[in-house]
N, C-alpha and C. Protein backbone atom coordinates (compact mmCIF):
# COMPACT_ATOMS: atom_id res chain seq x y z
N UNK A 1 -18.39 29.09 7.73
CA UNK A 1 -17.42 29.52 7.70
C UNK A 1 -16.59 29.14 6.21
N UNK A 2 -16.41 30.13 5.26
CA UNK A 2 -16.40 29.63 3.53
C UNK A 2 -15.23 28.63 3.46
N UNK A 3 -15.10 27.72 2.64
CA UNK A 3 -14.17 26.46 2.97
C UNK A 3 -13.04 27.48 1.73
N UNK A 4 -11.70 26.96 2.21
CA UNK A 4 -10.60 27.26 1.77
C UNK A 4 -10.35 26.80 0.73
N UNK A 5 -10.07 27.50 -0.49
CA UNK A 5 -9.25 26.85 -1.79
C UNK A 5 -7.74 27.30 -2.07
N UNK A 6 -6.70 26.47 -2.44
CA UNK A 6 -6.11 26.34 -2.77
C UNK A 6 -5.55 25.83 -4.48
N UNK A 7 -4.70 26.49 -5.01
CA UNK A 7 -4.44 26.55 -6.51
C UNK A 7 -2.87 25.13 -6.50
N UNK A 8 -2.50 24.97 -7.88
CA UNK A 8 -1.38 23.44 -7.77
C UNK A 8 -0.17 24.52 -7.47
N UNK A 9 0.01 26.03 -7.26
CA UNK A 9 1.60 26.37 -6.90
C UNK A 9 1.24 26.67 -5.65
N UNK A 10 0.16 26.78 -4.90
CA UNK A 10 0.39 26.49 -3.64
C UNK A 10 0.41 26.00 -2.94
N UNK A 11 -0.04 24.55 -3.32
CA UNK A 11 -0.27 23.34 -2.94
C UNK A 11 0.90 22.30 -3.00
N UNK A 12 1.62 22.66 -4.34
CA UNK A 12 3.04 22.31 -4.49
C UNK A 12 4.15 22.96 -3.59
N UNK A 13 4.31 23.96 -3.44
CA UNK A 13 5.11 24.83 -2.83
C UNK A 13 4.61 24.35 -1.21
N UNK A 14 4.19 24.60 -0.72
CA UNK A 14 3.19 23.82 0.91
C UNK A 14 3.45 22.92 1.03
N UNK A 15 3.43 21.69 0.65
CA UNK A 15 4.18 20.33 0.43
C UNK A 15 5.11 19.72 -0.09
N UNK A 16 6.05 20.62 -1.07
CA UNK A 16 7.09 20.43 -1.49
C UNK A 16 6.88 19.27 -2.56
N UNK A 17 6.52 18.79 -2.97
CA UNK A 17 5.94 18.11 -4.16
C UNK A 17 6.32 18.57 -5.13
N UNK A 18 7.10 18.38 -5.94
CA UNK A 18 7.03 18.65 -8.14
C UNK A 18 5.79 18.93 -8.50
N UNK A 19 5.64 19.25 -9.46
CA UNK A 19 4.39 19.89 -10.02
C UNK A 19 3.93 18.38 -10.90
N UNK A 20 5.30 17.77 -11.63
CA UNK A 20 4.50 16.81 -12.49
C UNK A 20 4.18 15.65 -11.56
N UNK A 21 4.85 15.41 -10.35
CA UNK A 21 4.45 14.37 -9.04
C UNK A 21 2.82 14.58 -9.14
N UNK A 22 2.22 15.94 -8.90
CA UNK A 22 1.40 16.36 -8.48
C UNK A 22 0.29 16.12 -10.11
N UNK A 23 0.59 16.49 -11.10
CA UNK A 23 0.22 15.41 -12.41
C UNK A 23 -0.17 14.15 -12.04
N UNK A 24 0.74 13.20 -11.96
CA UNK A 24 1.00 12.09 -12.04
C UNK A 24 -0.47 11.49 -10.78
N UNK A 25 -0.18 12.06 -10.01
CA UNK A 25 -1.39 11.82 -9.08
C UNK A 25 -2.22 11.80 -9.22
N UNK A 26 -2.87 13.06 -10.06
CA UNK A 26 -4.31 13.05 -11.00
C UNK A 26 -3.99 11.98 -12.03
N UNK A 27 -3.33 11.97 -12.53
CA UNK A 27 -3.55 10.93 -13.45
C UNK A 27 -3.96 9.51 -13.15
N UNK A 28 -3.50 9.24 -11.99
CA UNK A 28 -3.58 7.82 -11.59
C UNK A 28 -4.93 8.14 -11.02
N UNK A 29 -5.69 9.09 -10.62
CA UNK A 29 -6.71 9.51 -10.11
C UNK A 29 -6.54 8.75 -8.43
N UNK A 30 -5.48 9.39 -8.19
CA UNK A 30 -5.07 9.11 -6.77
C UNK A 30 -5.33 10.57 -5.93
N UNK A 31 -6.00 11.64 -6.48
CA UNK A 31 -6.56 12.49 -5.58
C UNK A 31 -7.20 13.12 -6.75
N UNK A 32 -8.20 13.81 -5.93
CA UNK A 32 -9.64 14.31 -7.00
C UNK A 32 -9.94 15.73 -6.54
N UNK A 33 -9.35 17.04 -7.40
CA UNK A 33 -9.23 18.27 -6.68
C UNK A 33 -10.48 18.32 -6.83
N UNK A 34 -11.11 19.71 -5.53
CA UNK A 34 -12.40 20.34 -5.60
C UNK A 34 -12.92 21.01 -6.92
N UNK A 35 -12.58 21.43 -7.51
CA UNK A 35 -12.55 22.02 -8.78
C UNK A 35 -11.62 21.92 -9.92
N UNK A 36 -12.11 21.11 -11.25
CA UNK A 36 -11.01 20.63 -11.98
C UNK A 36 -10.52 21.52 -12.86
N UNK A 37 -9.69 21.95 -13.38
CA UNK A 37 -8.74 22.77 -14.71
C UNK A 37 -9.41 22.77 -15.54
N UNK A 38 -8.48 23.58 -16.25
CA UNK A 38 -9.31 23.54 -17.63
C UNK A 38 -10.17 24.57 -18.58
N UNK A 39 -10.10 24.90 -19.85
CA UNK A 39 -11.11 26.21 -20.31
C UNK A 39 -10.30 27.20 -19.46
N UNK A 40 -10.41 28.02 -20.42
CA UNK A 40 -10.32 30.04 -20.34
C UNK A 40 -10.82 30.16 -18.56
N UNK A 41 -9.58 30.43 -18.15
CA UNK A 41 -9.91 31.21 -17.05
C UNK A 41 -10.02 30.34 -15.61
N UNK A 42 -10.38 29.09 -15.95
CA UNK A 42 -10.36 28.10 -14.87
C UNK A 42 -9.28 27.17 -14.43
N UNK A 43 -9.58 27.72 -13.14
CA UNK A 43 -8.14 26.66 -11.88
C UNK A 43 -8.45 25.74 -11.50
N UNK A 44 -7.27 24.76 -11.39
CA UNK A 44 -7.52 23.88 -10.61
C UNK A 44 -7.52 24.08 -9.00
N UNK A 45 -8.36 23.41 -7.94
CA UNK A 45 -8.39 24.27 -7.17
C UNK A 45 -8.60 23.10 -5.74
N UNK A 46 -8.08 23.05 -4.71
CA UNK A 46 -7.63 22.07 -3.43
C UNK A 46 -8.53 22.40 -2.17
N UNK A 47 -9.14 21.67 -1.80
CA UNK A 47 -9.30 21.75 -0.38
C UNK A 47 -8.24 21.76 0.66
N UNK A 48 -8.41 22.18 2.33
CA UNK A 48 -7.55 21.63 3.08
C UNK A 48 -6.88 20.55 3.17
N UNK A 49 -8.48 19.51 3.21
CA UNK A 49 -8.00 18.21 3.25
C UNK A 49 -7.22 17.39 2.05
N UNK A 50 -7.18 18.04 0.91
CA UNK A 50 -6.55 17.68 -0.38
C UNK A 50 -5.19 17.89 -0.20
N UNK A 51 -4.86 19.17 1.33
CA UNK A 51 -3.28 19.58 0.97
C UNK A 51 -2.75 18.91 1.78
N UNK A 52 -3.47 18.01 3.05
CA UNK A 52 -3.04 17.42 4.17
C UNK A 52 -2.78 15.97 3.31
N UNK A 53 -3.45 16.02 2.51
CA UNK A 53 -3.28 14.20 2.24
C UNK A 53 -2.19 14.44 0.78
N UNK A 54 -1.89 15.25 0.26
CA UNK A 54 -1.27 15.26 -0.70
C UNK A 54 0.20 15.62 0.30
N UNK A 55 0.45 16.37 1.18
CA UNK A 55 1.58 16.29 2.10
C UNK A 55 1.76 15.46 2.90
N UNK A 56 1.09 14.66 3.35
CA UNK A 56 1.43 13.38 3.64
C UNK A 56 1.89 12.44 2.58
N UNK A 57 1.63 12.37 1.53
CA UNK A 57 2.22 11.22 0.37
C UNK A 57 3.65 12.27 0.00
N UNK A 58 3.35 13.59 0.20
CA UNK A 58 4.86 14.36 -0.38
C UNK A 58 5.76 13.86 0.80
N UNK A 59 5.45 14.12 2.06
CA UNK A 59 6.79 13.63 2.89
C UNK A 59 7.28 12.05 3.06
N UNK A 60 6.20 11.28 2.83
CA UNK A 60 7.21 10.31 2.65
C UNK A 60 6.91 9.33 1.14
N UNK A 61 7.19 10.37 0.08
CA UNK A 61 8.11 10.31 -1.02
C UNK A 61 9.56 11.19 -0.85
N UNK A 62 9.63 12.03 -0.47
CA UNK A 62 10.55 12.44 0.19
C UNK A 62 11.71 12.48 0.67
N UNK A 63 11.51 11.19 1.56
CA UNK A 63 12.35 10.18 2.35
C UNK A 63 12.82 9.52 1.77
N UNK A 64 11.91 8.91 0.64
CA UNK A 64 13.38 8.20 -0.49
C UNK A 64 12.10 7.18 -1.25
N UNK A 65 11.14 7.09 -0.91
CA UNK A 65 9.83 5.96 -1.43
C UNK A 65 9.25 6.78 -2.62
N UNK A 66 8.96 5.56 -3.53
CA UNK A 66 8.27 5.70 -4.64
C UNK A 66 7.27 6.61 -4.61
N UNK A 67 6.34 7.79 -5.48
CA UNK A 67 5.55 8.11 -5.02
C UNK A 67 4.21 7.37 -5.01
N UNK A 68 3.87 6.43 -6.03
CA UNK A 68 3.10 5.54 -5.51
C UNK A 68 2.49 4.74 -4.06
N UNK A 69 4.02 4.29 -3.92
CA UNK A 69 4.07 3.60 -2.59
C UNK A 69 3.51 4.71 -1.59
N UNK A 70 4.24 5.83 -1.76
CA UNK A 70 3.98 6.80 -0.36
C UNK A 70 2.66 7.28 -0.75
N UNK A 71 1.96 7.51 -1.78
CA UNK A 71 0.24 8.22 -1.87
C UNK A 71 -0.39 6.38 -0.84
N UNK A 72 0.47 5.00 -1.63
CA UNK A 72 -0.55 4.01 -1.06
C UNK A 72 -0.17 4.01 1.00
N UNK A 73 1.05 4.18 1.18
CA UNK A 73 1.24 4.36 2.91
C UNK A 73 -0.01 5.33 3.60
N UNK A 74 0.30 6.79 3.14
CA UNK A 74 -0.72 7.41 3.47
C UNK A 74 -1.66 7.07 3.58
N UNK A 75 -2.65 7.16 2.56
CA UNK A 75 -3.92 6.80 2.75
C UNK A 75 -4.52 5.50 2.69
N UNK A 76 -3.84 4.58 3.35
CA UNK A 76 -3.99 3.24 3.69
C UNK A 76 -4.01 3.15 5.23
N UNK A 77 -2.88 3.86 5.99
CA UNK A 77 -2.82 4.07 7.29
C UNK A 77 -3.55 3.93 8.38
N UNK A 78 -3.92 2.76 9.09
CA UNK A 78 -5.05 3.05 10.00
C UNK A 78 -5.61 4.25 10.50
N UNK A 79 -4.64 5.46 11.27
CA UNK A 79 -5.30 6.40 11.37
C UNK A 79 -5.43 7.33 10.34
N UNK A 80 -5.35 7.29 9.13
CA UNK A 80 -5.16 8.07 8.26
C UNK A 80 -6.13 9.42 8.10
N UNK A 81 -7.67 9.25 9.16
CA UNK A 81 -8.37 10.34 9.28
C UNK A 81 -8.21 11.07 10.29
N UNK A 82 -7.00 10.53 11.04
CA UNK A 82 -6.46 12.02 11.77
C UNK A 82 -6.17 13.18 11.19
N UNK A 83 -5.64 13.52 9.59
CA UNK A 83 -5.48 14.55 9.26
C UNK A 83 -6.14 15.26 8.78
N UNK A 84 -7.82 15.26 9.35
CA UNK A 84 -8.69 15.72 9.06
C UNK A 84 -8.90 17.22 10.37
N UNK A 85 -8.15 16.51 11.51
CA UNK A 85 -8.66 17.21 12.93
C UNK A 85 -7.26 18.57 12.43
N UNK A 86 -6.58 18.68 11.56
CA UNK A 86 -5.89 19.80 11.51
C UNK A 86 -6.22 20.85 10.59
N UNK A 87 -7.65 20.81 9.95
CA UNK A 87 -8.44 22.05 9.63
C UNK A 87 -8.44 22.99 10.20
N UNK A 88 -8.44 24.41 9.86
CA UNK A 88 -9.16 25.11 10.21
C UNK A 88 -10.39 25.21 11.09
N UNK A 89 -11.19 24.97 10.80
CA UNK A 89 -12.35 24.71 10.91
C UNK A 89 -13.19 23.71 11.99
N UNK A 90 -12.05 22.69 12.12
CA UNK A 90 -12.38 21.15 12.99
C UNK A 90 -13.09 21.35 13.96
N UNK A 91 -11.83 22.16 14.96
CA UNK A 91 -12.44 22.16 16.23
C UNK A 91 -12.76 23.80 16.56
N UNK A 92 -14.25 23.66 17.64
CA UNK A 92 -14.71 24.55 18.06
C UNK A 92 -13.65 25.52 19.40
N UNK A 93 -13.04 24.72 19.63
CA UNK A 93 -11.94 25.21 21.16
C UNK A 93 -10.94 24.13 20.47
N UNK A 94 -9.87 24.51 20.12
CA UNK A 94 -8.26 23.72 19.38
C UNK A 94 -7.55 23.48 21.14
N UNK A 95 -7.61 22.01 20.87
CA UNK A 95 -6.82 21.76 21.91
C UNK A 95 -5.01 22.59 21.51
N UNK A 96 -4.48 22.21 22.77
CA UNK A 96 -3.38 23.22 23.11
C UNK A 96 -2.05 22.69 21.93
N UNK A 97 -2.34 21.39 21.87
CA UNK A 97 -1.35 20.58 21.11
C UNK A 97 -1.35 20.94 19.72
N UNK A 98 -2.60 21.03 19.43
CA UNK A 98 -2.89 21.61 17.95
C UNK A 98 -2.43 22.98 17.69
N UNK A 99 -2.64 23.65 18.51
CA UNK A 99 -2.19 25.32 18.45
C UNK A 99 -0.73 25.21 18.05
N UNK A 100 -0.20 24.26 18.52
CA UNK A 100 1.37 24.42 18.47
C UNK A 100 1.89 23.79 17.62
N UNK A 101 1.00 22.50 16.93
CA UNK A 101 1.23 22.73 15.90
C UNK A 101 1.20 23.35 14.45
N UNK A 102 0.44 24.29 14.87
CA UNK A 102 -0.22 24.81 13.75
C UNK A 102 0.25 26.36 13.76
N UNK A 103 1.23 26.67 15.11
CA UNK A 103 1.48 28.08 15.31
C UNK A 103 3.01 27.81 14.34
N UNK A 104 2.97 28.88 13.10
CA UNK A 104 4.27 29.07 12.30
C UNK A 104 5.23 29.72 12.75
N UNK A 105 4.96 30.10 14.57
CA UNK A 105 6.51 30.92 14.65
C UNK A 105 6.54 29.87 15.81
N UNK A 106 6.36 28.36 15.46
CA UNK A 106 6.82 27.37 16.73
C UNK A 106 7.63 26.29 16.07
N UNK A 107 8.68 25.69 16.34
CA UNK A 107 9.41 25.03 15.81
C UNK A 107 8.71 23.52 16.08
N UNK A 108 8.51 22.74 14.77
CA UNK A 108 7.73 21.14 15.17
C UNK A 108 8.69 20.91 15.65
N UNK A 109 7.76 20.13 16.73
CA UNK A 109 9.12 19.16 17.86
C UNK A 109 7.93 17.83 18.06
N UNK A 110 8.89 16.65 18.09
CA UNK A 110 7.65 15.23 17.77
C UNK A 110 7.78 15.20 19.77
N UNK A 111 6.32 14.80 19.75
CA UNK A 111 6.26 14.75 21.22
C UNK A 111 5.65 13.48 21.42
N UNK A 112 5.97 12.28 21.66
CA UNK A 112 6.17 11.21 21.53
C UNK A 112 4.41 11.29 22.48
N UNK A 113 4.26 11.39 23.10
CA UNK A 113 2.86 11.12 23.97
C UNK A 113 1.55 11.80 22.92
N UNK A 114 1.97 12.51 22.27
CA UNK A 114 0.87 13.16 21.28
C UNK A 114 0.76 12.85 19.80
N UNK A 115 1.89 12.55 19.24
CA UNK A 115 1.87 12.67 17.61
C UNK A 115 1.94 11.09 16.97
N UNK A 116 1.22 11.05 16.20
CA UNK A 116 0.76 10.08 15.18
C UNK A 116 2.13 10.30 14.07
N UNK A 117 2.53 8.92 13.96
CA UNK A 117 4.01 9.13 12.93
C UNK A 117 4.55 7.60 12.19
N UNK A 118 4.58 7.62 11.11
CA UNK A 118 5.24 6.12 10.42
C UNK A 118 6.70 5.85 10.99
N UNK A 119 6.68 4.21 10.81
CA UNK A 119 8.18 4.32 11.31
C UNK A 119 8.25 3.10 10.29
N UNK A 120 9.77 2.84 9.64
CA UNK A 120 9.54 2.01 8.89
C UNK A 120 11.22 0.93 8.91
N UNK A 121 11.05 0.50 9.87
CA UNK A 121 11.80 -0.56 10.50
C UNK A 121 12.63 -1.25 9.20
N UNK A 122 14.29 -1.48 9.00
CA UNK A 122 15.24 -2.48 8.77
C UNK A 122 14.72 -2.27 7.00
N UNK A 123 13.75 -1.27 6.43
CA UNK A 123 13.65 -0.73 4.76
C UNK A 123 12.31 -1.87 4.71
N UNK A 124 11.69 -2.34 5.30
CA UNK A 124 10.82 -3.24 5.35
C UNK A 124 9.65 -3.16 6.16
N UNK A 125 9.56 -2.71 7.77
CA UNK A 125 8.29 -3.42 8.64
C UNK A 125 7.80 -2.34 8.85
N UNK A 126 6.45 -2.02 8.01
CA UNK A 126 6.00 -0.48 8.10
C UNK A 126 5.20 -0.83 9.72
N UNK A 127 5.09 0.50 10.33
CA UNK A 127 4.39 0.56 12.20
C UNK A 127 3.68 1.48 11.80
N UNK A 128 2.49 2.09 12.78
CA UNK A 128 2.31 3.31 12.90
C UNK A 128 2.46 3.40 14.21
N UNK A 129 3.11 4.49 14.75
CA UNK A 129 2.94 4.96 16.45
C UNK A 129 1.98 5.75 16.63
N UNK A 130 1.21 5.73 17.72
CA UNK A 130 0.50 6.31 17.82
C UNK A 130 0.81 6.65 19.58
N UNK A 131 1.23 7.70 20.07
CA UNK A 131 1.62 8.46 21.60
C UNK A 131 2.50 6.86 21.49
N UNK A 132 2.42 6.41 22.85
CA UNK A 132 3.41 4.68 22.84
C UNK A 132 3.09 3.89 22.82
N UNK A 133 1.53 3.61 21.96
CA UNK A 133 1.83 2.25 21.12
C UNK A 133 1.93 2.21 20.16
N UNK A 134 1.86 0.66 19.53
CA UNK A 134 2.56 1.02 18.27
C UNK A 134 1.47 -0.34 17.71
N UNK A 135 1.25 -0.22 15.98
CA UNK A 135 0.77 -0.97 14.86
C UNK A 135 1.01 -1.43 14.20
N UNK A 136 1.32 -2.92 14.15
CA UNK A 136 2.08 -3.44 12.60
C UNK A 136 0.80 -2.96 11.99
N UNK A 137 1.57 -2.53 10.66
CA UNK A 137 0.78 -2.14 9.35
C UNK A 137 1.09 -2.91 7.67
N UNK A 138 2.28 -3.57 7.63
CA UNK A 138 2.78 -3.94 6.27
C UNK A 138 4.19 -4.75 6.63
N UNK A 139 4.08 -4.75 4.81
CA UNK A 139 5.58 -4.81 4.70
C UNK A 139 5.86 -4.86 3.18
N UNK A 140 7.24 -3.95 2.67
CA UNK A 140 8.18 -3.84 1.93
C UNK A 140 8.57 -4.63 1.00
N UNK A 141 8.11 -4.92 0.05
CA UNK A 141 8.97 -5.72 -1.18
C UNK A 141 10.04 -5.35 -1.25
N UNK A 142 11.38 -6.28 -1.50
CA UNK A 142 12.57 -5.59 -1.75
C UNK A 142 12.90 -4.29 -2.56
N UNK A 143 11.70 -4.09 -3.51
CA UNK A 143 12.34 -2.88 -4.67
C UNK A 143 11.39 -1.46 -4.09
N UNK A 144 11.06 -1.84 -3.15
CA UNK A 144 9.75 -0.78 -2.36
C UNK A 144 8.95 -0.12 -3.16
N UNK A 145 8.29 -1.52 -3.92
CA UNK A 145 7.17 -0.73 -5.11
C UNK A 145 5.98 -1.21 -4.67
N UNK A 146 5.31 -1.98 -3.72
CA UNK A 146 4.16 -2.40 -3.33
C UNK A 146 4.41 -2.58 -1.53
N UNK A 147 3.27 -2.50 -0.76
CA UNK A 147 3.14 -3.08 0.69
C UNK A 147 2.05 -4.07 0.70
N UNK A 148 2.55 -5.12 1.45
CA UNK A 148 1.46 -6.29 1.77
C UNK A 148 0.82 -5.67 2.74
N UNK A 149 -0.02 -6.39 3.48
CA UNK A 149 -1.10 -6.24 4.67
C UNK A 149 -1.69 -7.68 4.85
N UNK A 150 -1.88 -7.67 6.01
CA UNK A 150 -2.52 -8.80 6.68
C UNK A 150 -4.01 -8.27 7.05
N UNK A 151 -4.20 -7.27 6.85
CA UNK A 151 -5.75 -6.76 6.63
C UNK A 151 -6.16 -6.63 5.60
N UNK A 152 -7.31 -7.17 5.23
CA UNK A 152 -7.87 -6.23 3.99
C UNK A 152 -8.07 -5.02 3.66
N UNK A 153 -7.78 -4.68 2.83
CA UNK A 153 -7.96 -3.32 2.69
C UNK A 153 -8.78 -2.37 3.14
N UNK A 154 -10.36 -3.26 2.67
CA UNK A 154 -11.41 -2.57 3.04
C UNK A 154 -11.72 -2.47 4.46
N UNK A 155 -10.81 -3.12 5.22
CA UNK A 155 -11.25 -3.20 6.76
C UNK A 155 -11.00 -2.34 7.79
N UNK A 156 -9.76 -1.58 6.69
CA UNK A 156 -9.94 -0.26 8.03
C UNK A 156 -10.80 0.63 7.17
N UNK A 157 -11.61 0.14 6.60
CA UNK A 157 -12.80 1.87 5.97
C UNK A 157 -13.98 1.67 6.50
N UNK A 158 -14.60 1.00 6.96
CA UNK A 158 -15.91 0.21 7.57
C UNK A 158 -16.42 1.59 8.52
N UNK A 159 -17.72 1.89 8.19
CA UNK A 159 -18.32 2.58 9.14
C UNK A 159 -17.94 1.88 10.48
N UNK A 160 -17.48 2.68 11.90
CA UNK A 160 -17.54 2.35 13.05
C UNK A 160 -18.56 3.19 14.20
N UNK A 161 -19.40 3.03 14.06
CA UNK A 161 -20.08 4.05 15.18
C UNK A 161 -19.75 3.79 16.46
N UNK A 162 -19.94 4.64 17.70
CA UNK A 162 -19.25 4.97 18.61
C UNK A 162 -19.53 3.79 19.48
N UNK A 163 -18.52 2.65 19.91
CA UNK A 163 -18.83 1.43 20.61
C UNK A 163 -19.59 0.19 20.25
N UNK A 164 -19.12 0.31 18.96
CA UNK A 164 -18.87 -1.13 17.72
C UNK A 164 -18.17 -0.99 17.44
N UNK A 165 -17.69 -2.40 16.35
CA UNK A 165 -16.98 -2.93 15.82
C UNK A 165 -17.68 -3.38 14.75
N UNK A 166 -18.30 -3.26 13.76
CA UNK A 166 -19.08 -4.10 12.93
C UNK A 166 -18.19 -4.50 11.87
N UNK A 167 -18.56 -5.63 11.20
CA UNK A 167 -17.93 -6.35 10.05
C UNK A 167 -17.92 -5.17 8.90
N UNK A 168 -16.32 -5.31 8.54
CA UNK A 168 -16.20 -4.53 7.38
C UNK A 168 -17.18 -4.77 6.40
N UNK A 169 -17.90 -3.33 5.61
CA UNK A 169 -18.60 -3.70 4.34
C UNK A 169 -18.29 -2.85 3.00
N UNK A 170 -17.24 -1.99 3.43
CA UNK A 170 -17.14 -1.38 2.18
C UNK A 170 -15.85 -0.37 2.50
N UNK A 171 -15.20 0.09 1.30
CA UNK A 171 -14.00 0.87 1.40
C UNK A 171 -14.13 2.50 1.72
N UNK A 172 -13.33 3.33 2.45
CA UNK A 172 -14.14 4.33 2.42
C UNK A 172 -13.87 5.37 1.51
N UNK A 173 -13.32 4.66 0.13
CA UNK A 173 -13.64 5.91 -1.08
C UNK A 173 -15.33 5.11 -2.25
N UNK A 174 -15.86 4.22 -1.58
CA UNK A 174 -16.67 4.02 -1.69
C UNK A 174 -18.04 4.80 -1.06
N UNK A 175 -17.53 5.18 -0.06
CA UNK A 175 -18.77 6.07 0.98
C UNK A 175 -18.43 7.55 0.60
N UNK A 176 -19.06 8.30 1.20
CA UNK A 176 -19.04 9.53 1.37
C UNK A 176 -18.93 10.12 2.37
N UNK A 177 -17.35 9.60 2.75
CA UNK A 177 -16.74 10.07 3.88
C UNK A 177 -16.02 11.30 3.82
N UNK A 178 -15.68 12.15 2.38
CA UNK A 178 -15.56 13.29 2.34
C UNK A 178 -14.26 13.50 1.17
N UNK A 179 -14.40 14.48 0.02
CA UNK A 179 -14.33 14.61 -1.34
C UNK A 179 -12.71 14.16 -1.22
N UNK A 180 -12.09 14.54 0.06
CA UNK A 180 -10.11 14.19 -0.19
C UNK A 180 -9.87 12.71 -0.06
N UNK A 181 -10.83 11.84 0.49
CA UNK A 181 -11.37 10.30 0.34
C UNK A 181 -11.37 9.85 -0.62
N UNK A 182 -11.93 10.73 -1.84
CA UNK A 182 -11.71 9.91 -3.66
C UNK A 182 -10.56 9.31 -4.09
N UNK A 183 -10.86 7.95 -4.60
CA UNK A 183 -9.92 7.85 -5.21
C UNK A 183 -10.31 7.09 -6.37
N UNK A 184 -9.57 6.48 -7.36
CA UNK A 184 -9.46 4.74 -7.69
C UNK A 184 -8.86 4.17 -7.06
N UNK A 185 -8.80 2.74 -6.69
CA UNK A 185 -8.26 2.18 -6.23
C UNK A 185 -7.19 1.36 -6.38
N UNK A 186 -6.98 1.64 -7.93
CA UNK A 186 -6.08 0.88 -8.71
C UNK A 186 -4.48 1.73 -8.67
N UNK A 187 -5.14 2.91 -8.29
CA UNK A 187 -3.96 3.96 -7.63
C UNK A 187 -3.13 3.66 -6.62
N UNK A 188 -3.50 2.27 -5.86
CA UNK A 188 -2.78 2.16 -4.24
C UNK A 188 -2.02 0.81 -4.83
N UNK A 189 -0.58 0.65 -4.03
CA UNK A 189 0.49 -0.36 -4.77
C UNK A 189 0.00 -1.20 -3.14
N UNK A 190 -1.34 -1.87 -3.77
CA UNK A 190 -1.36 -2.78 -1.90
C UNK A 190 -1.41 -3.69 -1.99
N UNK A 191 -1.45 -4.98 -1.49
CA UNK A 191 -1.34 -6.64 -1.52
C UNK A 191 -1.66 -7.23 0.01
N UNK A 192 -2.71 -7.90 -0.44
CA UNK A 192 -3.74 -8.48 1.03
C UNK A 192 -3.12 -9.78 0.87
N UNK A 193 -1.92 -10.20 2.77
CA UNK A 193 -1.25 -11.34 2.64
C UNK A 193 -1.82 -11.78 4.07
N UNK A 194 -2.39 -12.70 3.87
CA UNK A 194 -3.36 -13.42 5.19
C UNK A 194 -1.89 -14.18 5.73
N UNK A 195 -0.84 -14.34 5.18
CA UNK A 195 0.09 -15.45 5.66
C UNK A 195 1.44 -14.79 6.26
N UNK A 196 1.11 -13.45 6.31
CA UNK A 196 2.05 -12.33 6.74
C UNK A 196 2.31 -12.77 8.16
N UNK A 197 4.31 -12.67 8.33
CA UNK A 197 4.76 -13.06 9.67
C UNK A 197 4.88 -12.00 10.72
N UNK A 198 3.63 -11.86 11.31
CA UNK A 198 3.86 -10.57 12.09
C UNK A 198 4.55 -10.48 13.10
N UNK A 199 5.23 -11.46 13.79
CA UNK A 199 5.79 -11.32 15.11
C UNK A 199 7.01 -11.38 14.26
N UNK A 200 7.54 -11.99 13.39
CA UNK A 200 9.39 -11.04 12.94
C UNK A 200 9.45 -9.75 13.08
N UNK A 201 8.40 -8.96 12.54
CA UNK A 201 7.95 -7.89 12.21
C UNK A 201 8.16 -7.00 13.52
N UNK A 202 7.38 -7.75 14.73
CA UNK A 202 7.56 -6.90 15.94
C UNK A 202 8.91 -7.01 16.66
N UNK A 203 9.86 -8.50 16.41
CA UNK A 203 10.87 -8.89 16.69
C UNK A 203 12.17 -7.70 16.40
N UNK A 204 11.83 -7.63 15.26
CA UNK A 204 12.65 -6.49 14.16
C UNK A 204 12.61 -5.24 14.80
N UNK A 205 11.29 -4.83 15.63
CA UNK A 205 11.11 -3.23 16.16
C UNK A 205 11.67 -3.05 17.51
N UNK A 206 11.47 -4.38 17.81
CA UNK A 206 12.39 -4.22 19.69
C UNK A 206 13.73 -4.19 19.07
N UNK A 207 14.38 -4.56 18.49
CA UNK A 207 15.93 -4.73 18.41
C UNK A 207 16.54 -3.84 17.35
N UNK A 208 15.29 -2.74 16.49
CA UNK A 208 16.22 -1.68 15.50
C UNK A 208 16.33 -0.52 16.33
């Protein structure tokens, strides 16, 4: 199957992201297009994985968080690779839930058992929900400009063969996991804090 590519107008329209914000992501090297623009007749083009990543950033940004923070949360979530499963060519036989989510004639209805989504409790504590389970991800600073986590950033992205949990060795942007995973880590508003009080975060979750 030929790789489907999209121009800037298609990406920003589909994702609900202003063109200026797409330019900022490019300037920060937070995203890399499949084909760079510039020159006579050369149009910047993006893959479906790019669109999904930019779309996730746009969703968090449009919820009221800064563009850089939205980019960081979307990129660093432990289950971030799940967005790749929404490529049209990913499944040989797509499951029913995937078909429902990608059917333009059906409403987007949240289903607790099948969805993965972000919850930010009291504007501070960031959790990722996956079905009925939840994973504490980090804390936002008072200005909502940076996220702190008690897990080293690279620990999320080590290669993990089936049945093993190897010691983290390198981050996903340092390996050929995919063109859409490329970025400059300086674009991430991320701080490692091994003294983080995770118990307080979980208590806040239970009482929210």
